[in-house]
Amino acid sequence: MIILIAGSTHTGKTALAQNLIEKYHYPSMSLDHLKMGLIRSGLTNLTPYDDDKMTDLLWPIVKEMIKTVIENDQNMIIEGCYFPYDWKNHFEQEYVKNIKYVCLVMSSKYIEEHFEDIKKYASVIENRGEDSSIDKDVLLRDNKVSLEMCKKYGCDYLLIDDEYGVDIHIEDR
């Protein structure tokens, strides 16, 4: 089983992945780590600020990794911002049935009411440093777009609206 955890920045993708690692003992991969490996190795001229171009760079690699993991009857959790919303169109059905995709989306209400908490918990799993780049307007915009795109492409999503209680259950194969 492949678990894809998507969503915009600060929605808790890494925290959910960590919880699932502990619960199911699946290996995991962060697309941010892959991104930084490609940047630091000099294999791309993109920078950490080129997020709008990262999906086009990373998805062809990640897609083939997913197929390999499935073909080898293995499990993996992959989390990050760089999955295309039409991800299902990139696989034959035999692969899709082995992939669980979920996009974490915060409602505007949640962001407005819990912005200080979002900032407070930003480094709960990974060290984001001061994280002064977090911007409420960006979170509001990006989560609105995520919800619209999930609906447009029929992607599963978890809407974080009142309390932050995110978990998913994995069916045994």
N, C-alpha and C. Protein backbone atom coordinates (compact mmCIF):
# COMPACT_ATOMS: atom_id res chain seq x y z
N MET A 1 0.84 -1.18 0.00
CA MET A 1 0.00 0.00 0.00
C MET A 1 0.88 1.24 0.00
N ILE A 2 0.54 2.16 -0.87
CA ILE A 2 1.19 3.47 -0.92
C ILE A 2 0.23 4.48 -0.31
N ILE A 3 0.71 5.28 0.61
CA ILE A 3 -0.09 6.34 1.20
C ILE A 3 0.53 7.67 0.76
N LEU A 4 -0.25 8.46 0.05
CA LEU A 4 0.19 9.78 -0.37
C LEU A 4 -0.51 10.81 0.50
N ILE A 5 0.27 11.62 1.20
CA ILE A 5 -0.29 12.66 2.05
C ILE A 5 0.07 14.00 1.43
N ALA A 6 -0.95 14.67 0.92
CA ALA A 6 -0.76 15.94 0.21
C ALA A 6 -1.34 17.08 1.02
N GLY A 7 -1.14 18.28 0.53
CA GLY A 7 -1.69 19.46 1.16
C GLY A 7 -0.71 20.60 1.08
N SER A 8 -1.22 21.79 1.31
CA SER A 8 -0.34 22.95 1.26
C SER A 8 0.51 23.02 2.53
N THR A 9 1.36 23.99 2.59
CA THR A 9 2.29 24.14 3.71
C THR A 9 1.55 24.28 5.04
N HIS A 10 2.13 23.72 6.07
CA HIS A 10 1.67 23.85 7.46
C HIS A 10 0.34 23.15 7.76
N THR A 11 -0.08 22.20 6.93
CA THR A 11 -1.34 21.51 7.21
C THR A 11 -1.15 20.26 8.08
N GLY A 12 0.10 19.87 8.34
CA GLY A 12 0.35 18.73 9.21
C GLY A 12 0.67 17.44 8.47
N LYS A 13 1.13 17.53 7.24
CA LYS A 13 1.46 16.34 6.45
C LYS A 13 2.55 15.51 7.12
N THR A 14 3.60 16.16 7.57
CA THR A 14 4.72 15.45 8.18
C THR A 14 4.31 14.84 9.51
N ALA A 15 3.50 15.54 10.28
CA ALA A 15 3.03 15.00 11.56
C ALA A 15 2.14 13.77 11.33
N LEU A 16 1.24 13.83 10.34
CA LEU A 16 0.41 12.68 10.03
C LEU A 16 1.27 11.51 9.56
N ALA A 17 2.24 11.79 8.71
CA ALA A 17 3.14 10.73 8.24
C ALA A 17 3.85 10.08 9.41
N GLN A 18 4.33 10.87 10.35
CA GLN A 18 5.03 10.33 11.53
C GLN A 18 4.09 9.43 12.34
N ASN A 19 2.86 9.85 12.52
CA ASN A 19 1.88 9.03 13.25
C ASN A 19 1.64 7.70 12.55
N LEU A 20 1.54 7.74 11.22
CA LEU A 20 1.30 6.51 10.45
C LEU A 20 2.52 5.60 10.46
N ILE A 21 3.71 6.17 10.45
CA ILE A 21 4.95 5.38 10.55
C ILE A 21 4.93 4.60 11.85
N GLU A 22 4.59 5.28 12.94
CA GLU A 22 4.57 4.64 14.25
C GLU A 22 3.46 3.59 14.34
N LYS A 23 2.34 3.84 13.70
CA LYS A 23 1.19 2.94 13.76
C LYS A 23 1.36 1.71 12.88
N TYR A 24 1.85 1.91 11.64
CA TYR A 24 1.89 0.83 10.65
C TYR A 24 3.30 0.33 10.34
N HIS A 25 4.31 1.05 10.80
CA HIS A 25 5.71 0.68 10.57
C HIS A 25 6.08 0.65 9.09
N TYR A 26 5.47 1.53 8.31
CA TYR A 26 5.79 1.66 6.89
C TYR A 26 6.99 2.61 6.75
N PRO A 27 7.84 2.37 5.78
CA PRO A 27 8.89 3.36 5.49
C PRO A 27 8.23 4.61 4.90
N SER A 28 8.96 5.72 4.95
CA SER A 28 8.38 6.95 4.44
C SER A 28 9.40 7.77 3.66
N MET A 29 8.86 8.73 2.93
CA MET A 29 9.70 9.66 2.20
C MET A 29 9.01 11.02 2.18
N SER A 30 9.80 12.04 2.41
CA SER A 30 9.32 13.41 2.33
C SER A 30 9.74 13.99 0.98
N LEU A 31 8.79 14.55 0.25
CA LEU A 31 9.13 15.18 -1.01
C LEU A 31 10.01 16.41 -0.81
N ASP A 32 9.91 17.04 0.37
CA ASP A 32 10.83 18.16 0.66
C ASP A 32 12.27 17.67 0.73
N HIS A 33 12.50 16.48 1.27
CA HIS A 33 13.85 15.93 1.32
C HIS A 33 14.37 15.63 -0.08
N LEU A 34 13.50 15.05 -0.91
CA LEU A 34 13.90 14.77 -2.30
C LEU A 34 14.19 16.08 -3.02
N LYS A 35 13.34 17.08 -2.83
CA LYS A 35 13.54 18.40 -3.43
C LYS A 35 14.90 18.97 -3.05
N MET A 36 15.20 18.97 -1.76
CA MET A 36 16.46 19.56 -1.30
C MET A 36 17.66 18.74 -1.76
N GLY A 37 17.51 17.42 -1.85
CA GLY A 37 18.60 16.59 -2.37
C GLY A 37 18.93 16.95 -3.81
N LEU A 38 17.91 17.14 -4.62
CA LEU A 38 18.13 17.52 -6.02
C LEU A 38 18.75 18.91 -6.11
N ILE A 39 18.28 19.84 -5.29
CA ILE A 39 18.81 21.20 -5.31
C ILE A 39 20.26 21.22 -4.83
N ARG A 40 20.53 20.62 -3.68
CA ARG A 40 21.87 20.65 -3.11
C ARG A 40 22.89 19.87 -3.93
N SER A 41 22.43 18.86 -4.65
CA SER A 41 23.35 18.07 -5.47
C SER A 41 23.72 18.79 -6.76
N GLY A 42 22.99 19.84 -7.07
CA GLY A 42 23.24 20.55 -8.31
C GLY A 42 22.61 19.91 -9.52
N LEU A 43 21.74 18.92 -9.32
CA LEU A 43 21.09 18.25 -10.44
C LEU A 43 19.94 19.07 -11.03
N THR A 44 19.61 20.18 -10.39
CA THR A 44 18.61 21.10 -10.92
C THR A 44 19.08 22.52 -10.63
N ASN A 45 18.63 23.44 -11.44
CA ASN A 45 18.92 24.85 -11.19
C ASN A 45 17.82 25.52 -10.38
N LEU A 46 16.77 24.75 -10.05
CA LEU A 46 15.70 25.29 -9.23
C LEU A 46 16.22 25.59 -7.83
N THR A 47 15.52 26.47 -7.13
CA THR A 47 15.88 26.82 -5.76
C THR A 47 14.73 26.42 -4.83
N PRO A 48 14.96 26.47 -3.51
CA PRO A 48 13.86 26.16 -2.59
C PRO A 48 12.65 27.07 -2.76
N TYR A 49 12.79 28.18 -3.46
CA TYR A 49 11.69 29.12 -3.64
C TYR A 49 10.93 28.90 -4.94
N ASP A 50 11.31 27.87 -5.69
CA ASP A 50 10.65 27.57 -6.97
C ASP A 50 9.58 26.50 -6.82
N ASP A 51 8.78 26.60 -5.77
CA ASP A 51 7.75 25.59 -5.50
C ASP A 51 6.79 25.40 -6.66
N ASP A 52 6.53 26.46 -7.41
CA ASP A 52 5.59 26.36 -8.52
C ASP A 52 6.10 25.45 -9.63
N LYS A 53 7.40 25.18 -9.67
CA LYS A 53 7.99 24.33 -10.70
C LYS A 53 8.36 22.94 -10.17
N MET A 54 8.26 22.74 -8.87
CA MET A 54 8.74 21.50 -8.25
C MET A 54 7.93 20.27 -8.63
N THR A 55 6.62 20.40 -8.76
CA THR A 55 5.80 19.24 -9.12
C THR A 55 6.25 18.66 -10.46
N ASP A 56 6.49 19.53 -11.43
CA ASP A 56 6.92 19.06 -12.75
C ASP A 56 8.26 18.32 -12.68
N LEU A 57 9.13 18.73 -11.79
CA LEU A 57 10.43 18.07 -11.64
C LEU A 57 10.30 16.76 -10.86
N LEU A 58 9.59 16.79 -9.75
CA LEU A 58 9.56 15.64 -8.83
C LEU A 58 8.59 14.54 -9.25
N TRP A 59 7.42 14.90 -9.78
CA TRP A 59 6.38 13.91 -10.01
C TRP A 59 6.81 12.77 -10.93
N PRO A 60 7.49 13.00 -12.04
CA PRO A 60 7.89 11.85 -12.87
C PRO A 60 8.76 10.84 -12.11
N ILE A 61 9.61 11.31 -11.23
CA ILE A 61 10.47 10.43 -10.43
C ILE A 61 9.63 9.69 -9.39
N VAL A 62 8.82 10.44 -8.64
CA VAL A 62 8.00 9.86 -7.58
C VAL A 62 7.01 8.85 -8.14
N LYS A 63 6.41 9.17 -9.27
CA LYS A 63 5.44 8.26 -9.91
C LYS A 63 6.08 6.91 -10.21
N GLU A 64 7.29 6.91 -10.73
CA GLU A 64 7.96 5.65 -11.05
C GLU A 64 8.42 4.92 -9.79
N MET A 65 8.76 5.66 -8.74
CA MET A 65 9.08 5.03 -7.45
C MET A 65 7.84 4.33 -6.89
N ILE A 66 6.69 4.99 -6.98
CA ILE A 66 5.44 4.40 -6.50
C ILE A 66 5.16 3.10 -7.23
N LYS A 67 5.30 3.10 -8.54
CA LYS A 67 5.05 1.89 -9.33
C LYS A 67 6.00 0.76 -8.90
N THR A 68 7.25 1.11 -8.66
CA THR A 68 8.24 0.10 -8.25
C THR A 68 7.89 -0.49 -6.89
N VAL A 69 7.49 0.36 -5.95
CA VAL A 69 7.11 -0.12 -4.62
C VAL A 69 5.91 -1.07 -4.73
N ILE A 70 4.92 -0.70 -5.52
CA ILE A 70 3.74 -1.56 -5.70
C ILE A 70 4.13 -2.88 -6.36
N GLU A 71 4.94 -2.81 -7.41
CA GLU A 71 5.36 -4.03 -8.11
C GLU A 71 6.14 -4.98 -7.21
N ASN A 72 6.82 -4.42 -6.21
CA ASN A 72 7.58 -5.23 -5.26
C ASN A 72 6.76 -5.61 -4.04
N ASP A 73 5.45 -5.32 -4.07
CA ASP A 73 4.53 -5.66 -2.98
C ASP A 73 5.01 -5.09 -1.64
N GLN A 74 5.45 -3.85 -1.69
CA GLN A 74 5.93 -3.16 -0.49
C GLN A 74 4.97 -2.04 -0.12
N ASN A 75 5.23 -1.42 1.01
CA ASN A 75 4.43 -0.31 1.51
C ASN A 75 5.30 0.92 1.63
N MET A 76 4.68 2.10 1.51
CA MET A 76 5.42 3.34 1.71
C MET A 76 4.45 4.49 1.94
N ILE A 77 4.90 5.41 2.77
CA ILE A 77 4.19 6.67 3.00
C ILE A 77 5.02 7.76 2.34
N ILE A 78 4.37 8.56 1.50
CA ILE A 78 5.05 9.67 0.85
C ILE A 78 4.24 10.93 1.15
N GLU A 79 4.92 11.95 1.68
CA GLU A 79 4.20 13.18 2.02
C GLU A 79 4.88 14.37 1.39
N GLY A 80 4.04 15.34 1.00
CA GLY A 80 4.57 16.56 0.43
C GLY A 80 3.54 17.38 -0.31
N CYS A 81 4.00 18.50 -0.81
CA CYS A 81 3.15 19.45 -1.53
C CYS A 81 3.13 19.21 -3.03
N TYR A 82 3.92 18.29 -3.52
CA TYR A 82 4.21 18.24 -4.96
C TYR A 82 3.55 17.08 -5.70
N PHE A 83 2.32 16.74 -5.33
CA PHE A 83 1.55 15.75 -6.08
C PHE A 83 0.58 16.50 -6.99
N PRO A 84 0.45 16.08 -8.23
CA PRO A 84 -0.57 16.72 -9.07
C PRO A 84 -1.96 16.23 -8.61
N TYR A 85 -2.94 17.10 -8.69
CA TYR A 85 -4.29 16.72 -8.26
C TYR A 85 -4.90 15.67 -9.17
N ASP A 86 -4.41 15.57 -10.39
CA ASP A 86 -4.90 14.54 -11.31
C ASP A 86 -4.02 13.29 -11.27
N TRP A 87 -3.45 13.00 -10.11
CA TRP A 87 -2.48 11.91 -9.95
C TRP A 87 -3.00 10.58 -10.48
N LYS A 88 -4.30 10.32 -10.32
CA LYS A 88 -4.86 9.04 -10.78
C LYS A 88 -4.68 8.85 -12.28
N ASN A 89 -4.70 9.93 -13.03
CA ASN A 89 -4.57 9.84 -14.49
C ASN A 89 -3.18 9.40 -14.92
N HIS A 90 -2.24 9.35 -14.00
CA HIS A 90 -0.86 9.00 -14.32
C HIS A 90 -0.57 7.52 -14.08
N PHE A 91 -1.59 6.76 -13.67
CA PHE A 91 -1.42 5.35 -13.36
C PHE A 91 -2.50 4.51 -14.02
N GLU A 92 -2.17 3.26 -14.30
CA GLU A 92 -3.18 2.29 -14.69
C GLU A 92 -3.92 1.85 -13.43
N GLN A 93 -5.13 1.33 -13.59
CA GLN A 93 -5.99 0.98 -12.46
C GLN A 93 -5.32 0.00 -11.49
N GLU A 94 -4.52 -0.92 -11.99
CA GLU A 94 -3.85 -1.89 -11.11
C GLU A 94 -2.97 -1.20 -10.08
N TYR A 95 -2.45 -0.03 -10.41
CA TYR A 95 -1.65 0.73 -9.45
C TYR A 95 -2.55 1.55 -8.53
N VAL A 96 -3.56 2.20 -9.10
CA VAL A 96 -4.44 3.09 -8.33
C VAL A 96 -5.06 2.36 -7.15
N LYS A 97 -5.43 1.09 -7.34
CA LYS A 97 -6.09 0.35 -6.25
C LYS A 97 -5.16 0.11 -5.07
N ASN A 98 -3.86 0.32 -5.25
CA ASN A 98 -2.87 0.15 -4.18
C ASN A 98 -2.38 1.47 -3.62
N ILE A 99 -3.07 2.56 -3.96
CA ILE A 99 -2.66 3.89 -3.51
C ILE A 99 -3.80 4.54 -2.74
N LYS A 100 -3.48 5.03 -1.55
CA LYS A 100 -4.43 5.82 -0.78
C LYS A 100 -3.89 7.25 -0.75
N TYR A 101 -4.65 8.16 -1.33
CA TYR A 101 -4.29 9.57 -1.39
C TYR A 101 -5.20 10.34 -0.47
N VAL A 102 -4.62 11.24 0.31
CA VAL A 102 -5.43 12.15 1.12
C VAL A 102 -4.74 13.50 1.13
N CYS A 103 -5.55 14.52 0.95
CA CYS A 103 -5.05 15.90 0.98
C CYS A 103 -5.57 16.55 2.25
N LEU A 104 -4.67 17.12 3.03
CA LEU A 104 -5.06 17.83 4.24
C LEU A 104 -5.37 19.27 3.87
N VAL A 105 -6.56 19.72 4.25
CA VAL A 105 -7.01 21.06 3.91
C VAL A 105 -7.56 21.72 5.17
N MET A 106 -7.06 22.91 5.46
CA MET A 106 -7.58 23.69 6.57
C MET A 106 -8.63 24.66 6.05
N SER A 107 -9.76 24.72 6.74
CA SER A 107 -10.80 25.67 6.35
C SER A 107 -10.33 27.09 6.68
N SER A 108 -10.94 28.06 6.02
CA SER A 108 -10.63 29.47 6.32
C SER A 108 -10.94 29.77 7.78
N LYS A 109 -12.05 29.22 8.27
CA LYS A 109 -12.43 29.41 9.67
C LYS A 109 -11.34 28.89 10.60
N TYR A 110 -10.84 27.68 10.29
CA TYR A 110 -9.79 27.10 11.15
C TYR A 110 -8.53 27.98 11.14
N ILE A 111 -8.12 28.42 9.97
CA ILE A 111 -6.91 29.25 9.88
C ILE A 111 -7.10 30.55 10.64
N GLU A 112 -8.25 31.18 10.46
CA GLU A 112 -8.51 32.44 11.17
C GLU A 112 -8.50 32.25 12.68
N GLU A 113 -9.10 31.17 13.16
CA GLU A 113 -9.22 30.95 14.60
C GLU A 113 -7.97 30.35 15.23
N HIS A 114 -7.13 29.68 14.44
CA HIS A 114 -6.00 28.94 15.01
C HIS A 114 -4.66 29.31 14.41
N PHE A 115 -4.54 30.48 13.82
CA PHE A 115 -3.29 30.84 13.15
C PHE A 115 -2.09 30.78 14.11
N GLU A 116 -2.26 31.25 15.32
CA GLU A 116 -1.16 31.21 16.30
C GLU A 116 -0.77 29.77 16.62
N ASP A 117 -1.74 28.87 16.70
CA ASP A 117 -1.45 27.45 16.93
C ASP A 117 -0.71 26.84 15.74
N ILE A 118 -1.12 27.21 14.53
CA ILE A 118 -0.46 26.72 13.32
C ILE A 118 1.02 27.09 13.37
N LYS A 119 1.30 28.33 13.72
CA LYS A 119 2.70 28.78 13.84
C LYS A 119 3.41 28.04 14.98
N LYS A 120 2.71 27.88 16.09
CA LYS A 120 3.29 27.24 17.27
C LYS A 120 3.72 25.80 17.01
N TYR A 121 2.91 25.06 16.23
CA TYR A 121 3.18 23.65 15.98
C TYR A 121 3.93 23.39 14.67
N ALA A 122 4.40 24.43 14.03
CA ALA A 122 5.06 24.28 12.73
C ALA A 122 6.30 23.38 12.80
N SER A 123 6.98 23.37 13.92
CA SER A 123 8.22 22.58 14.04
C SER A 123 8.05 21.35 14.92
N VAL A 124 6.83 20.87 15.08
CA VAL A 124 6.59 19.74 15.97
C VAL A 124 7.32 18.48 15.51
N ILE A 125 7.52 18.29 14.21
CA ILE A 125 8.20 17.11 13.69
C ILE A 125 9.53 17.48 13.05
N GLU A 126 9.54 18.52 12.26
CA GLU A 126 10.77 18.95 11.59
C GLU A 126 11.14 20.34 12.04
N ASN A 127 12.43 20.64 12.04
CA ASN A 127 12.89 21.94 12.47
C ASN A 127 12.73 22.95 11.35
N ARG A 128 11.79 23.83 11.50
CA ARG A 128 11.57 24.88 10.51
C ARG A 128 12.25 26.17 10.92
N GLY A 129 13.02 26.13 12.01
CA GLY A 129 13.68 27.35 12.48
C GLY A 129 12.64 28.33 12.97
N GLU A 130 12.89 29.58 12.74
CA GLU A 130 11.99 30.64 13.19
C GLU A 130 10.66 30.59 12.44
N ASP A 131 10.69 30.15 11.20
CA ASP A 131 9.50 30.02 10.36
C ASP A 131 8.74 31.33 10.22
N SER A 132 9.49 32.40 10.04
CA SER A 132 8.85 33.71 9.90
C SER A 132 8.16 33.87 8.55
N SER A 133 8.37 32.92 7.66
CA SER A 133 7.78 33.04 6.33
C SER A 133 6.30 32.66 6.29
N ILE A 134 5.79 32.07 7.35
CA ILE A 134 4.38 31.68 7.35
C ILE A 134 3.51 32.94 7.32
N ASP A 135 2.55 32.93 6.43
CA ASP A 135 1.71 34.10 6.20
C ASP A 135 0.25 33.64 6.16
N LYS A 136 -0.58 34.26 6.96
CA LYS A 136 -1.98 33.86 7.04
C LYS A 136 -2.69 33.96 5.69
N ASP A 137 -2.43 35.03 4.95
CA ASP A 137 -3.08 35.19 3.65
C ASP A 137 -2.68 34.10 2.67
N VAL A 138 -1.42 33.69 2.72
CA VAL A 138 -0.95 32.60 1.86
C VAL A 138 -1.62 31.29 2.26
N LEU A 139 -1.71 31.02 3.56
CA LEU A 139 -2.39 29.81 4.03
C LEU A 139 -3.85 29.81 3.59
N LEU A 140 -4.52 30.93 3.74
CA LEU A 140 -5.92 31.02 3.33
C LEU A 140 -6.08 30.75 1.84
N ARG A 141 -5.24 31.39 1.04
CA ARG A 141 -5.30 31.22 -0.42
C ARG A 141 -4.99 29.79 -0.83
N ASP A 142 -3.87 29.25 -0.31
CA ASP A 142 -3.42 27.92 -0.73
C ASP A 142 -4.39 26.82 -0.31
N ASN A 143 -4.98 26.93 0.88
CA ASN A 143 -5.93 25.92 1.32
C ASN A 143 -7.24 26.01 0.54
N LYS A 144 -7.64 27.22 0.17
CA LYS A 144 -8.83 27.39 -0.66
C LYS A 144 -8.60 26.72 -2.03
N VAL A 145 -7.43 26.94 -2.60
CA VAL A 145 -7.10 26.33 -3.89
C VAL A 145 -7.06 24.80 -3.75
N SER A 146 -6.45 24.30 -2.67
CA SER A 146 -6.39 22.85 -2.46
C SER A 146 -7.78 22.23 -2.41
N LEU A 147 -8.69 22.85 -1.68
CA LEU A 147 -10.05 22.33 -1.58
C LEU A 147 -10.74 22.35 -2.95
N GLU A 148 -10.60 23.45 -3.68
CA GLU A 148 -11.20 23.54 -5.01
C GLU A 148 -10.65 22.47 -5.95
N MET A 149 -9.34 22.27 -5.92
CA MET A 149 -8.71 21.29 -6.81
C MET A 149 -9.09 19.86 -6.42
N CYS A 150 -9.17 19.58 -5.11
CA CYS A 150 -9.60 18.25 -4.67
C CYS A 150 -11.01 17.95 -5.17
N LYS A 151 -11.88 18.93 -5.06
CA LYS A 151 -13.25 18.74 -5.55
C LYS A 151 -13.28 18.58 -7.06
N LYS A 152 -12.51 19.38 -7.76
CA LYS A 152 -12.48 19.31 -9.23
C LYS A 152 -12.00 17.95 -9.71
N TYR A 153 -10.97 17.39 -9.07
CA TYR A 153 -10.37 16.14 -9.53
C TYR A 153 -10.84 14.91 -8.75
N GLY A 154 -11.76 15.08 -7.82
CA GLY A 154 -12.29 13.95 -7.07
C GLY A 154 -11.28 13.34 -6.11
N CYS A 155 -10.40 14.15 -5.58
CA CYS A 155 -9.39 13.66 -4.63
C CYS A 155 -9.98 13.56 -3.23
N ASP A 156 -9.57 12.54 -2.49
CA ASP A 156 -9.96 12.45 -1.09
C ASP A 156 -9.24 13.53 -0.31
N TYR A 157 -9.96 14.15 0.62
CA TYR A 157 -9.35 15.18 1.45
C TYR A 157 -9.93 15.12 2.85
N LEU A 158 -9.15 15.60 3.80
CA LEU A 158 -9.61 15.75 5.17
C LEU A 158 -9.70 17.24 5.45
N LEU A 159 -10.89 17.72 5.72
CA LEU A 159 -11.09 19.14 6.00
C LEU A 159 -10.91 19.38 7.49
N ILE A 160 -9.96 20.19 7.82
CA ILE A 160 -9.67 20.55 9.21
C ILE A 160 -10.45 21.84 9.46
N ASP A 161 -11.51 21.73 10.27
CA ASP A 161 -12.43 22.84 10.40
C ASP A 161 -12.59 23.34 11.83
N ASP A 162 -12.77 22.45 12.79
CA ASP A 162 -12.97 22.85 14.18
C ASP A 162 -11.74 22.58 15.03
N GLU A 163 -11.41 21.30 15.16
CA GLU A 163 -10.24 20.89 15.92
C GLU A 163 -9.28 20.18 15.00
N TYR A 164 -8.01 20.19 15.38
CA TYR A 164 -7.04 19.48 14.57
C TYR A 164 -6.94 18.05 15.08
N GLY A 165 -7.67 17.15 14.45
CA GLY A 165 -7.65 15.74 14.81
C GLY A 165 -7.55 14.92 13.53
N VAL A 166 -6.36 14.81 12.98
CA VAL A 166 -6.16 14.19 11.69
C VAL A 166 -5.60 12.79 11.85
N ASP A 167 -6.28 11.80 11.25
CA ASP A 167 -5.80 10.43 11.23
C ASP A 167 -6.46 9.73 10.05
N ILE A 168 -5.81 8.72 9.55
CA ILE A 168 -6.42 7.90 8.52
C ILE A 168 -6.17 6.44 8.86
N HIS A 169 -7.08 5.58 8.43
CA HIS A 169 -6.98 4.14 8.68
C HIS A 169 -6.63 3.45 7.37
N ILE A 170 -5.70 2.51 7.47
CA ILE A 170 -5.27 1.75 6.30
C ILE A 170 -5.88 0.37 6.37
N GLU A 171 -6.57 0.01 5.31
CA GLU A 171 -7.16 -1.34 5.21
C GLU A 171 -6.06 -2.35 4.97
N ASP A 172 -6.18 -3.52 5.59
CA ASP A 172 -5.26 -4.62 5.28
C ASP A 172 -5.51 -5.07 3.86
N ARG A 173 -4.42 -5.47 3.20
CA ARG A 173 -4.57 -5.92 1.81
C ARG A 173 -5.22 -7.27 1.75
